[in-house]
C-alpha atoms as a PDB file:
ATOM      1  CA  MET A   1      34.249 -11.997 -32.556  1.00  0.00           C
ATOM      2  CA  LEU A   2      33.932  -9.241 -29.977  1.00  0.00           C
ATOM      3  CA  SER A   3      34.199  -6.625 -32.718  1.00  0.00           C
ATOM      4  CA  ALA A   4      31.346  -8.230 -34.653  1.00  0.00           C
ATOM      5  CA  TYR A   5      29.207  -8.294 -31.507  1.00  0.00           C
ATOM      6  CA  LEU A   6      29.982  -4.631 -30.856  1.00  0.00           C
ATOM      7  CA  LEU A   7      29.031  -3.756 -34.434  1.00  0.00           C
ATOM      8  CA  VAL A   8      25.643  -5.376 -33.909  1.00  0.00           C
ATOM      9  CA  LEU A   9      25.231  -3.345 -30.735  1.00  0.00           C
ATOM     10  CA  ASP A  10      26.260  -0.194 -32.627  1.00  0.00           C
ATOM     11  CA  PHE A  11      23.512  -0.658 -35.181  1.00  0.00           C
ATOM     12  CA  THR A  12      20.884  -1.260 -32.489  1.00  0.00           C
ATOM     13  CA  ALA A  13      22.030   1.499 -30.086  1.00  0.00           C
ATOM     14  CA  GLU A  14      20.036   4.576 -29.161  1.00  0.00           C
ATOM     15  CA  ALA A  15      20.788   7.738 -31.117  1.00  0.00           C
ATOM     16  CA  GLY A  16      22.385   9.433 -28.091  1.00  0.00           C
ATOM     17  CA  SER A  17      25.031   6.777 -27.574  1.00  0.00           C
ATOM     18  CA  ILE A  18      26.167   6.183 -31.167  1.00  0.00           C
ATOM     19  CA  ALA A  19      29.431   8.141 -30.826  1.00  0.00           C
ATOM     20  CA  VAL A  20      30.477   6.267 -27.688  1.00  0.00           C
ATOM     21  CA  ALA A  21      29.501   2.920 -29.209  1.00  0.00           C
ATOM     22  CA  ALA A  22      31.392   3.621 -32.443  1.00  0.00           C
ATOM     23  CA  SER A  23      34.544   4.715 -30.614  1.00  0.00           C
ATOM     24  CA  LEU A  24      34.471   1.620 -28.380  1.00  0.00           C
ATOM     25  CA  THR A  25      34.108  -0.566 -31.470  1.00  0.00           C
ATOM     26  CA  ALA A  26      36.962   1.261 -33.221  1.00  0.00           C
ATOM     27  CA  PHE A  27      39.289   0.770 -30.237  1.00  0.00           C
ATOM     28  CA  THR A  28      38.340  -2.897 -30.057  1.00  0.00           C
ATOM     29  CA  VAL A  29      39.107  -3.395 -33.741  1.00  0.00           C
ATOM     30  CA  LEU A  30      42.444  -1.564 -33.390  1.00  0.00           C
ATOM     31  CA  GLY A  31      43.337  -3.707 -30.375  1.00  0.00           C
ATOM     32  CA  ALA A  32      42.532  -6.896 -32.277  1.00  0.00           C
ATOM     33  CA  ILE A  33      44.641  -5.753 -35.219  1.00  0.00           C
ATOM     34  CA  ALA A  34      47.552  -4.975 -32.875  1.00  0.00           C
ATOM     35  CA  VAL A  35      47.339  -8.456 -31.334  1.00  0.00           C
ATOM     36  CA  VAL A  36      47.375 -10.002 -34.827  1.00  0.00           C
ATOM     37  CA  PHE A  37      50.525  -8.047 -35.729  1.00  0.00           C
ATOM     38  CA  VAL A  38      52.243  -9.086 -32.481  1.00  0.00           C
ATOM     39  CA  ALA A  39      51.298 -12.725 -33.081  1.00  0.00           C
ATOM     40  CA  ARG A  40      52.655 -12.609 -36.641  1.00  0.00           C
ATOM     41  CA  ALA A  41      55.895 -11.028 -35.438  1.00  0.00           C
ATOM     42  CA  LEU A  42      56.305 -13.719 -32.782  1.00  0.00           C
ATOM     43  CA  ALA A  43      55.622 -16.422 -35.358  1.00  0.00           C
ATOM     44  CA  ARG A  44      58.460 -14.967 -37.428  1.00  0.00           C
ATOM     45  CA  ARG A  45      60.657 -15.007 -34.300  1.00  0.00           C
ATOM     46  CA  SER A  46      61.116 -11.259 -34.184  1.00  0.00           C
ATOM     47  CA  ALA A  47      62.940 -10.238 -31.020  1.00  0.00           C
ATOM     48  CA  HIS A  48      61.064  -6.933 -30.860  1.00  0.00           C
ATOM     49  CA  ALA A  49      57.691  -8.650 -30.473  1.00  0.00           C
ATOM     50  CA  ARG A  50      58.306 -10.078 -27.015  1.00  0.00           C
ATOM     51  CA  GLY A  51      57.690  -6.818 -25.139  1.00  0.00           C
ATOM     52  CA  PRO A  52      54.314  -6.120 -26.777  1.00  0.00           C
ATOM     53  CA  ALA A  53      53.324  -9.768 -26.272  1.00  0.00           C
ATOM     54  CA  ILE A  54      53.998  -9.447 -22.547  1.00  0.00           C
ATOM     55  CA  VAL A  55      51.961  -6.221 -22.446  1.00  0.00           C
ATOM     56  CA  VAL A  56      49.046  -8.045 -24.105  1.00  0.00           C
ATOM     57  CA  GLN A  57      49.274 -10.737 -21.424  1.00  0.00           C
ATOM     58  CA  LEU A  58      49.243  -8.072 -18.702  1.00  0.00           C
ATOM     59  CA  PHE A  59      46.007  -6.749 -20.202  1.00  0.00           C
ATOM     60  CA  VAL A  60      44.587 -10.290 -20.155  1.00  0.00           C
ATOM     61  CA  ILE A  61      45.535 -10.647 -16.476  1.00  0.00           C
ATOM     62  CA  ALA A  62      43.939  -7.266 -15.675  1.00  0.00           C
ATOM     63  CA  SER A  63      40.757  -8.256 -17.513  1.00  0.00           C
ATOM     64  CA  GLY A  64      40.653 -11.487 -15.548  1.00  0.00           C
ATOM     65  CA  GLY A  65      41.040  -9.585 -12.293  1.00  0.00           C
ATOM     66  CA  PHE A  66      38.177  -7.306 -13.264  1.00  0.00           C
ATOM     67  CA  LEU A  67      35.973 -10.305 -14.022  1.00  0.00           C
ATOM     68  CA  LEU A  68      36.910 -11.896 -10.695  1.00  0.00           C
ATOM     69  CA  GLN A  69      35.611  -8.831  -8.895  1.00  0.00           C
ATOM     70  CA  THR A  70      32.538  -7.976 -10.964  1.00  0.00           C
ATOM     71  CA  GLY A  71      31.475 -10.781 -13.256  1.00  0.00           C
ATOM     72  CA  THR A  72      31.818 -14.468 -13.729  1.00  0.00           C
ATOM     73  CA  ALA A  73      34.645 -15.474 -11.437  1.00  0.00           C
ATOM     74  CA  TRP A  74      35.532 -18.707 -13.251  1.00  0.00           C
ATOM     75  CA  VAL A  75      36.134 -16.862 -16.545  1.00  0.00           C
ATOM     76  CA  GLY A  76      38.269 -14.320 -14.705  1.00  0.00           C
ATOM     77  CA  ALA A  77      40.313 -17.050 -13.064  1.00  0.00           C
ATOM     78  CA  LEU A  78      40.843 -18.793 -16.402  1.00  0.00           C
ATOM     79  CA  LEU A  79      41.931 -15.536 -18.034  1.00  0.00           C
ATOM     80  CA  MET A  80      44.381 -14.825 -15.240  1.00  0.00           C
ATOM     81  CA  VAL A  81      45.877 -18.324 -15.384  1.00  0.00           C
ATOM     82  CA  PHE A  82      46.118 -18.086 -19.183  1.00  0.00           C
ATOM     83  CA  GLY A  83      47.731 -14.635 -19.021  1.00  0.00           C
ATOM     84  CA  VAL A  84      50.295 -15.676 -16.418  1.00  0.00           C
ATOM     85  CA  GLY A  85      51.072 -18.908 -18.285  1.00  0.00           C
ATOM     86  CA  VAL A  86      51.618 -17.271 -21.654  1.00  0.00           C
ATOM     87  CA  GLY A  87      53.510 -14.385 -20.042  1.00  0.00           C
ATOM     88  CA  LEU A  88      55.886 -16.865 -18.424  1.00  0.00           C
ATOM     89  CA  LEU A  89      56.304 -18.709 -21.710  1.00  0.00           C
ATOM     90  CA  CYS A  90      57.379 -15.411 -23.294  1.00  0.00           C
ATOM     91  CA  VAL A  91      60.317 -15.022 -20.896  1.00  0.00           C
ATOM     92  CA  VAL A  92      61.625 -18.570 -20.350  1.00  0.00           C
ATOM     93  CA  PRO A  93      65.148 -19.297 -21.632  1.00  0.00           C
ATOM     94  CA  PRO A  94      64.108 -21.428 -24.648  1.00  0.00           C
ATOM     95  CA  THR A  95      61.934 -18.570 -25.913  1.00  0.00           C
ATOM     96  CA  THR A  96      64.769 -16.125 -25.352  1.00  0.00           C
ATOM     97  CA  ARG A  97      67.090 -18.332 -27.400  1.00  0.00           C
ATOM     98  CA  ALA A  98      64.490 -18.818 -30.158  1.00  0.00           C
ATOM     99  CA  LEU A  99      64.068 -15.059 -30.471  1.00  0.00           C
ATOM    100  CA  GLY A 100      67.839 -14.552 -30.592  1.00  0.00           C
ATOM    101  CA  LEU A 101      68.009 -12.550 -27.370  1.00  0.00           C
ATOM    102  CA  ASP A 102      70.823 -14.543 -25.725  1.00  0.00           C
END
């Protein structure tokens, strides 16, 4: 969804900022693709996917902290709670057993 929004902004951007807009969109698309691959690996119970999943949650927590300071505080708080909750779910013993990391 964010990538589609950024594409719309790319097509309506000023000529001087096209390169920056296109690179931001490309990084957003690559990030979304990486999250999809991590989610698929976790769904298949791959033990190697837990580390990247925790890193994704750390990025969610950092984004929430940024929003707490600069934007809508309630969205930032929700993101931080969500990031901490999912990060904890990634490291609890039942998840460790399900991923075969005993």
